[in-house]
Amino acid sequence: MRVRQVLQSHSLIEEVPIVGSKVMRPLVDRLVGKPGYFRFQSDFTLTVHQDDGSVETVEGSTLHELVALS
């Protein structure tokens, strides 16, 4: 998939009281990482190899999500 556009991104740490504050954020980022949620609009190419030897290729556009926990 080739990301065309980031539709939404959200830091999961920001929702945690105190830990998500601007003062604590740099320290927490170093210790925990930067967990977050992302939604993308992407283009894709899918190639399927059939048992009979034929190959079918489809191209299109899709929404997909990613949750990064570290």
C-alpha atoms as a PDB file:
ATOM      1  CA  MET A   1       0.000   0.000   0.000  1.00  0.00           C
ATOM      2  CA  ARG A   2       1.110   3.513  -0.754  1.00  0.00           C
ATOM      3  CA  VAL A   3      -0.157   6.124   1.717  1.00  0.00           C
ATOM      4  CA  ARG A   4      -1.776   8.983  -0.148  1.00  0.00           C
ATOM      5  CA  GLN A   5      -3.097  10.921   2.852  1.00  0.00           C
ATOM      6  CA  VAL A   6      -3.057  10.713   6.667  1.00  0.00           C
ATOM      7  CA  LEU A   7      -6.699  11.211   7.624  1.00  0.00           C
ATOM      8  CA  GLN A   8      -6.303  11.047  11.396  1.00  0.00           C
ATOM      9  CA  SER A   9      -3.521  10.695  13.939  1.00  0.00           C
ATOM     10  CA  HIS A  10      -3.865  10.588  17.691  1.00  0.00           C
ATOM     11  CA  SER A  11      -1.355  10.216  20.512  1.00  0.00           C
ATOM     12  CA  LEU A  12      -2.553   7.682  23.097  1.00  0.00           C
ATOM     13  CA  ILE A  13      -0.306   9.144  25.812  1.00  0.00           C
ATOM     14  CA  GLU A  14      -2.016  12.546  25.660  1.00  0.00           C
ATOM     15  CA  GLU A  15      -5.170  10.993  27.149  1.00  0.00           C
ATOM     16  CA  VAL A  16      -3.419   9.832  30.342  1.00  0.00           C
ATOM     17  CA  PRO A  17      -3.627  12.450  33.136  1.00  0.00           C
ATOM     18  CA  ILE A  18      -0.276  13.888  34.283  1.00  0.00           C
ATOM     19  CA  VAL A  19       1.733  11.508  32.047  1.00  0.00           C
ATOM     20  CA  GLY A  20       0.279  13.198  28.952  1.00  0.00           C
ATOM     21  CA  SER A  21       1.045  16.727  30.161  1.00  0.00           C
ATOM     22  CA  LYS A  22       3.463  18.901  28.173  1.00  0.00           C
ATOM     23  CA  VAL A  23       5.975  18.810  31.052  1.00  0.00           C
ATOM     24  CA  MET A  24       6.073  15.005  31.375  1.00  0.00           C
ATOM     25  CA  ARG A  25       5.707  14.201  27.676  1.00  0.00           C
ATOM     26  CA  PRO A  26       9.419  14.246  26.645  1.00  0.00           C
ATOM     27  CA  LEU A  27      10.380  11.878  29.475  1.00  0.00           C
ATOM     28  CA  VAL A  28       7.479   9.509  28.814  1.00  0.00           C
ATOM     29  CA  ASP A  29       8.259   9.497  25.079  1.00  0.00           C
ATOM     30  CA  ARG A  30      11.827   8.358  25.833  1.00  0.00           C
ATOM     31  CA  LEU A  31      10.753   5.669  28.311  1.00  0.00           C
ATOM     32  CA  VAL A  32       7.598   4.320  26.668  1.00  0.00           C
ATOM     33  CA  GLY A  33       7.799   5.388  23.045  1.00  0.00           C
ATOM     34  CA  LYS A  34       5.086   7.226  21.172  1.00  0.00           C
ATOM     35  CA  PRO A  35       2.005   5.009  21.063  1.00  0.00           C
ATOM     36  CA  GLY A  36      -0.670   6.273  18.718  1.00  0.00           C
ATOM     37  CA  TYR A  37      -3.535   5.621  16.344  1.00  0.00           C
ATOM     38  CA  PHE A  38      -3.430   6.497  12.647  1.00  0.00           C
ATOM     39  CA  ARG A  39      -5.970   6.325   9.798  1.00  0.00           C
ATOM     40  CA  PHE A  40      -4.750   6.481   6.190  1.00  0.00           C
ATOM     41  CA  GLN A  41      -6.159   6.763   2.676  1.00  0.00           C
ATOM     42  CA  SER A  42      -3.927   4.577   0.513  1.00  0.00           C
ATOM     43  CA  ASP A  43      -3.600   3.191  -2.984  1.00  0.00           C
ATOM     44  CA  PHE A  44      -2.859  -0.510  -3.361  1.00  0.00           C
ATOM     45  CA  THR A  45      -1.873  -3.130  -5.901  1.00  0.00           C
ATOM     46  CA  LEU A  46      -2.875  -6.747  -5.238  1.00  0.00           C
ATOM     47  CA  THR A  47      -1.512  -9.622  -7.296  1.00  0.00           C
ATOM     48  CA  VAL A  48      -3.020 -13.110  -6.931  1.00  0.00           C
ATOM     49  CA  HIS A  49      -1.301 -16.180  -8.382  1.00  0.00           C
ATOM     50  CA  GLN A  50      -3.887 -18.878  -9.127  1.00  0.00           C
ATOM     51  CA  ASP A  51      -3.256 -22.635  -8.908  1.00  0.00           C
ATOM     52  CA  ASP A  52      -3.778 -22.891 -12.677  1.00  0.00           C
ATOM     53  CA  GLY A  53      -0.821 -20.550 -13.280  1.00  0.00           C
ATOM     54  CA  SER A  54      -2.862 -17.469 -14.141  1.00  0.00           C
ATOM     55  CA  VAL A  55      -2.135 -14.156 -12.467  1.00  0.00           C
ATOM     56  CA  GLU A  56      -4.716 -11.523 -11.615  1.00  0.00           C
ATOM     57  CA  THR A  57      -3.775  -7.973 -10.598  1.00  0.00           C
ATOM     58  CA  VAL A  58      -6.158  -5.454  -9.064  1.00  0.00           C
ATOM     59  CA  GLU A  59      -5.463  -1.819  -8.180  1.00  0.00           C
ATOM     60  CA  GLY A  60      -7.589   0.439  -6.017  1.00  0.00           C
ATOM     61  CA  SER A  61      -7.905   2.715  -3.042  1.00  0.00           C
ATOM     62  CA  THR A  62      -8.612   1.808   0.595  1.00  0.00           C
ATOM     63  CA  LEU A  63      -8.806   3.122   4.143  1.00  0.00           C
ATOM     64  CA  HIS A  64      -6.599   1.398   6.692  1.00  0.00           C
ATOM     65  CA  GLU A  65      -5.637   1.927  10.301  1.00  0.00           C
ATOM     66  CA  LEU A  66      -2.512   1.426  12.365  1.00  0.00           C
ATOM     67  CA  VAL A  67      -2.180   1.251  16.145  1.00  0.00           C
ATOM     68  CA  ALA A  68       1.421   1.676  17.257  1.00  0.00           C
ATOM     69  CA  LEU A  69       1.982   0.682  20.869  1.00  0.00           C
ATOM     70  CA  SER A  70       5.623   1.687  21.163  1.00  0.00           C
END
